Protein backbone atom coordinates (compact mmCIF):
# COMPACT_ATOMS: atom_id res chain seq x y z
CA MET A 1 -24.31 11.83 -17.52
CA VAL A 2 -21.16 10.55 -15.14
CA ALA A 3 -21.82 10.67 -11.07
CA GLN A 4 -18.03 11.36 -9.55
CA VAL A 5 -18.78 9.34 -6.21
CA HIS A 6 -16.05 8.96 -3.93
CA MET A 7 -17.51 6.13 -2.21
CA PRO A 8 -13.93 4.36 -0.98
CA ILE A 9 -12.92 7.41 1.23
CA LYS A 10 -16.42 7.53 2.72
CA ILE A 11 -16.70 4.09 3.57
CA GLY A 12 -13.09 4.01 4.94
CA ARG A 13 -13.65 7.25 7.55
CA VAL A 14 -16.56 4.66 9.13
CA LEU A 15 -14.56 1.83 9.09
CA ILE A 16 -12.42 4.41 10.06
CA GLY A 17 -14.76 5.62 12.32
CA LEU A 18 -15.59 1.89 13.97
CA ALA A 19 -12.01 1.53 14.37
CA VAL A 20 -11.94 4.07 17.00
CA LEU A 21 -15.26 3.05 19.05
CA TRP A 22 -12.75 -0.41 18.96
CA GLY A 23 -10.55 0.70 20.40
CA PHE A 24 -12.58 2.63 23.48
CA LEU A 25 -14.47 -0.62 24.02
CA GLY A 26 -11.54 -1.74 24.93
CA LEU A 27 -12.20 -4.66 22.52
CA ALA A 28 -9.50 -7.93 22.43
CA GLY A 29 -8.48 -10.14 19.62
CA ARG A 30 -9.01 -9.49 15.40
CA GLU A 31 -11.69 -9.32 13.21
CA SER A 32 -12.09 -9.19 9.46
CA TRP A 33 -15.02 -8.42 7.20
CA ALA A 34 -15.11 -9.37 3.60
CA GLY A 35 -16.05 -9.07 -0.16
CA ASP A 36 -14.30 -11.14 -1.54
CA ASP A 37 -16.08 -14.04 -3.14
CA GLU A 38 -16.53 -15.28 -6.98
CA THR A 39 -18.87 -12.65 -7.80
CA GLU A 40 -16.55 -10.05 -6.52
CA ARG A 41 -13.59 -11.66 -8.06
CA ALA A 42 -14.99 -11.82 -11.20
CA THR A 43 -14.87 -8.58 -11.50
CA PHE A 44 -10.75 -8.64 -11.84
CA ARG A 45 -10.82 -10.96 -15.12
CA GLY A 46 -8.96 -8.69 -17.86
CA LEU A 47 -7.83 -5.97 -15.18
CA PRO A 48 -4.98 -4.22 -16.69
CA GLY A 49 -3.59 -2.88 -13.64
CA VAL A 50 -4.60 -0.02 -10.51
CA ARG A 51 -3.58 3.36 -9.45
CA LEU A 52 -2.62 2.95 -5.51
CA LEU A 53 -3.69 5.45 -3.37
CA VAL A 54 -3.28 5.14 0.42
CA GLU A 55 -4.54 6.66 3.41
CA VAL A 56 -2.62 7.20 6.58
CA ARG A 57 -4.28 8.58 9.66
CA PRO A 58 -2.34 10.71 10.99
CA THR A 59 -2.29 9.13 14.47
CA ILE A 60 -0.15 6.26 12.71
CA GLU A 61 2.67 8.60 11.45
CA GLN A 62 3.36 8.59 15.47
CA VAL A 63 4.93 4.89 15.73
CA ASP A 64 6.40 4.94 12.75
CA VAL A 65 4.24 4.28 9.57
CA SER A 66 3.95 6.89 7.02
CA LYS A 67 1.96 7.59 4.11
CA GLN A 68 4.82 7.36 1.29
CA GLN A 69 6.33 4.48 3.13
CA LEU A 70 3.31 2.31 3.30
CA GLN A 71 2.68 3.79 -0.15
CA ILE A 72 6.21 2.60 -1.23
CA GLU A 73 5.55 -1.04 -0.07
CA VAL A 74 2.42 -1.54 -1.22
CA GLU A 75 3.83 -0.77 -4.63
CA LEU A 76 6.80 -2.71 -4.83
CA GLN A 77 4.13 -5.77 -3.46
CA LEU A 78 2.31 -5.33 -6.44
CA ARG A 79 5.07 -5.02 -8.62
CA LYS A 80 7.03 -7.65 -7.64
CA ALA A 81 3.97 -9.86 -8.50
CA GLY A 82 3.78 -8.61 -12.31
CA ILE A 83 0.29 -6.29 -11.21
CA ARG A 84 0.46 -2.82 -13.48
CA VAL A 85 0.62 0.32 -11.14
CA PHE A 86 -0.77 2.92 -13.32
CA THR A 87 0.51 6.51 -13.61
CA GLN A 88 -1.62 9.36 -13.23
CA GLU A 89 -1.46 10.11 -17.05
CA GLU A 90 -2.03 6.17 -17.41
CA TRP A 91 -4.90 5.71 -14.95
CA PHE A 92 -7.12 8.37 -17.10
CA THR A 93 -6.77 6.32 -20.55
CA ALA A 94 -7.42 2.81 -18.35
CA PRO A 95 -10.52 1.17 -18.57
CA GLY A 96 -12.88 1.42 -15.94
CA ARG A 97 -10.31 3.53 -14.31
CA PRO A 98 -9.53 1.05 -11.84
CA ASP A 99 -8.26 2.50 -8.28
CA LEU A 100 -6.49 0.17 -5.27
CA TYR A 101 -7.27 1.70 -1.60
CA VAL A 102 -4.47 1.21 1.18
CA VAL A 103 -6.52 2.62 4.45
CA ALA A 104 -4.61 2.34 7.02
CA GLN A 105 -5.22 3.65 10.43
CA GLY A 106 -4.04 3.19 14.34
CA LEU A 107 -4.95 3.98 18.03
CA LEU A 108 -3.14 4.19 20.87
CA PRO A 109 -4.81 5.17 24.04
CA PRO A 110 -3.01 6.70 26.81
CA ASN A 111 -1.53 4.41 29.71
CA SER A 112 -3.34 1.70 28.04
CA LEU A 113 -1.64 -1.73 27.74
CA PHE A 114 -3.08 -2.33 23.81
CA ALA A 115 -3.58 -0.03 20.57
CA THR A 116 -5.93 -0.59 17.51
CA SER A 117 -4.78 -0.93 14.48
CA PHE A 118 -7.62 -0.84 11.04
CA SER A 119 -6.23 -1.97 7.40
CA SER A 120 -8.42 -1.97 4.77
CA VAL A 121 -7.83 -2.88 1.03
CA MET A 122 -10.88 -1.91 -1.38
CA LEU A 123 -10.97 -2.39 -5.23
CA THR A 124 -13.12 0.63 -7.29
CA GLN A 125 -14.11 0.61 -10.33
CA GLN A 126 -16.19 2.71 -12.70
CA ALA A 127 -19.44 1.11 -13.47
CA THR A 128 -22.68 2.11 -15.82
CA LEU A 129 -26.04 1.26 -14.62
CA ASP A 130 -28.02 -0.88 -16.78
CA ILE A 131 -31.00 1.49 -15.90
CA ASN A 132 -29.60 4.59 -17.50
CA THR A 133 -26.00 5.33 -18.82
CA SER A 134 -24.51 7.41 -15.95
CA SER A 135 -21.33 5.92 -14.45
CA ALA A 136 -19.85 5.81 -10.82
CA SER A 137 -17.49 4.55 -9.60
CA VAL A 138 -17.66 1.59 -6.66
CA VAL A 139 -16.54 -1.36 -4.85
CA THR A 140 -15.61 -4.35 -6.65
CA TRP A 141 -13.87 -6.01 -3.61
CA SER A 142 -12.13 -5.30 -0.24
CA LEU A 143 -11.09 -6.70 2.66
CA THR A 144 -10.93 -5.21 6.14
CA THR A 145 -8.68 -5.89 9.80
CA ILE A 146 -9.21 -4.66 12.85
CA ALA A 147 -7.65 -5.56 15.62
CA THR A 148 -5.94 -5.03 18.88
CA PRO A 149 -2.36 -5.42 19.45
CA LEU A 150 -0.05 -5.07 21.75
CA ALA A 151 0.84 -1.18 22.12
CA PHE A 152 4.48 -1.55 21.18
CA ARG A 153 3.40 -3.82 18.30
CA LEU A 154 1.23 -1.06 16.52
CA SER A 155 3.67 -0.46 14.07
CA GLN A 156 4.49 -3.82 13.20
CA ALA A 157 0.32 -5.27 12.89
CA ILE A 158 -0.13 -2.15 11.07
CA ARG A 159 2.70 -3.45 8.49
CA GLU A 160 1.79 -7.08 8.70
CA ASP A 161 -2.39 -6.41 8.12
CA THR A 162 -1.57 -4.19 5.07
CA ARG A 163 0.63 -6.71 3.61
CA ASP A 164 -1.45 -9.65 4.39
CA LEU A 165 -4.94 -7.95 2.42
CA VAL A 166 -2.39 -7.07 -0.25
CA ASP A 167 -1.58 -10.36 -0.76
CA LYS A 168 -5.14 -11.67 -0.56
CA PHE A 169 -5.88 -9.11 -2.86
CA ILE A 170 -3.07 -10.13 -5.65
CA ASN A 171 -3.98 -13.67 -4.71
CA ALA A 172 -7.64 -12.67 -6.14
CA TYR A 173 -6.03 -11.02 -9.08
CA LEU A 174 -4.23 -13.34 -9.71
CA ASN A 175 -6.85 -16.14 -10.01
CA ALA A 176 -8.71 -13.96 -12.32
CA ASN A 177 -5.69 -13.52 -14.26
CA PRO A 178 -3.50 -16.50 -14.53
CA ARG A 179 -0.06 -15.47 -14.98
CA PRO A 180 1.39 -17.04 -18.49
CA ALA A 181 3.04 -20.34 -18.42
CA GLY A 182 6.93 -20.39 -17.72
CA ARG A 183 6.61 -17.24 -15.69
CA VAL A 184 9.64 -16.48 -13.77
CA ALA A 185 9.04 -17.52 -9.70
CA LEU A 186 8.66 -14.09 -7.45
CA SER A 187 11.43 -13.31 -5.22
CA SER A 188 10.83 -14.65 -1.40
CA THR A 189 12.98 -11.43 -0.39
CA SER A 190 11.25 -8.65 1.84
CA PRO A 191 10.36 -5.80 -0.44
CA ARG A 192 11.64 -3.84 2.21
CA ARG A 193 15.24 -5.37 1.33
CA ASP A 194 14.40 -5.02 -2.74
CA LEU A 195 13.97 -1.22 -2.28
CA VAL A 196 17.93 -0.92 -0.45
CA ARG A 197 19.08 -3.05 -2.97
CA GLN A 198 17.49 -0.94 -5.84
CA VAL A 199 18.89 2.31 -3.80
CA GLN A 200 22.08 0.52 -3.28
CA GLU A 201 22.50 -0.04 -6.70
CA ARG A 202 21.10 3.49 -8.26
CA LEU A 203 23.74 5.19 -5.57
CA GLN A 204 26.65 2.78 -7.05
CA THR A 205 25.85 4.39 -10.51
CA VAL A 206 25.44 7.96 -9.61
CA GLY A 207 29.34 7.21 -8.23
CA PHE A 208 28.31 6.91 -4.46
CA ASN A 209 29.56 4.23 -2.76
CA PRO A 210 26.67 2.44 -0.45
CA GLY A 211 29.49 -0.72 0.81
CA SER A 212 27.46 -4.32 -0.65
CA LEU A 213 24.50 -4.09 -2.57
CA ASP A 214 23.16 -6.42 -0.09
CA GLY A 215 19.08 -4.64 0.80
CA THR A 216 20.49 -3.23 3.76
CA MET A 217 20.26 -0.49 5.05
CA GLY A 218 23.62 -0.36 7.13
CA PRO A 219 25.89 2.96 7.77
CA GLN A 220 27.75 3.06 4.38
CA THR A 221 24.68 2.85 2.40
CA GLN A 222 22.54 5.87 4.70
CA GLN A 223 26.11 7.65 4.75
CA ALA A 224 26.00 7.63 0.70
CA LEU A 225 22.53 8.31 0.93
CA ARG A 226 23.37 11.46 2.75
CA TRP A 227 25.67 12.81 0.36
CA PHE A 228 23.66 11.99 -2.52
CA GLN A 229 20.40 13.76 -0.62
CA ASN A 230 23.12 16.81 0.20
CA ALA A 231 24.52 16.92 -4.12
CA GLN A 232 20.81 17.18 -5.17
CA GLY A 233 19.58 20.23 -2.85
CA LEU A 234 17.75 17.58 -0.77
CA GLN A 235 17.36 17.26 3.11
CA ALA A 236 19.92 15.00 3.68
CA THR A 237 18.70 12.77 6.22
CA GLY A 238 19.56 8.99 5.03
CA ASP A 239 16.30 7.54 4.95
CA LEU A 240 14.53 6.55 1.70
CA ASP A 241 11.70 9.46 1.55
CA GLY A 242 9.53 10.42 -1.13
CA PRO A 243 11.81 13.70 -2.76
CA THR A 244 15.11 10.77 -2.68
CA LEU A 245 13.46 7.86 -4.47
CA ASP A 246 12.64 10.67 -6.95
CA ALA A 247 15.88 11.85 -7.51
CA LEU A 248 16.67 8.21 -7.84
CA GLY A 249 14.33 7.89 -10.29
CA ILE A 250 13.00 4.92 -8.39
CA ARG A 251 9.24 5.95 -8.48
């Protein structure tokens, strides 16, 4: 018998509730909760990769942090570290069906100098109980940060805290699964610049001149992107949205 337990989403909602309460109480600073010790890290051993699931509360999208963009940034962060990101089909056949949940929320109270940001990263895997043959998806590693940045820095705080938590996940993963000796060091460039450079290269390959392949979303790159979107029947926004990345073959 297999019990399907969606524990990460339930935990995420509880922690999001704490973030809201934190904001209403007006508490300042940054607090972190961790499930990151040797026992938790031992569950990383032999982990072939993860399926990435991102949950972004609607309030964040009002301050320029979308689920789509956060998904792209975290996936690039993982891939640059050499961690495999499963497709849905690959995940179904992966041992333990590991999921990496990234949960983010921002609370921006009206007429307030401070906002509240919430970021959480959780690894879940299928586990079987010793007492019987039932199994469930359980959290085997997690980190959470709740902070109260200045209101105008809410978007930046959410991205920075999420990136920091994902870096800690990467460190834990690589600690349990060391890279082979002689592997090329990771690039120090930002995931966003890497993504834009990939887009520029693809645009140039399919005949739309983006200008210099410098990883910068300049006017010429945006114009080339609009031409490409128009040619593909997409909304010509010049933005790196999901349908555009899919059409370029990047995701």
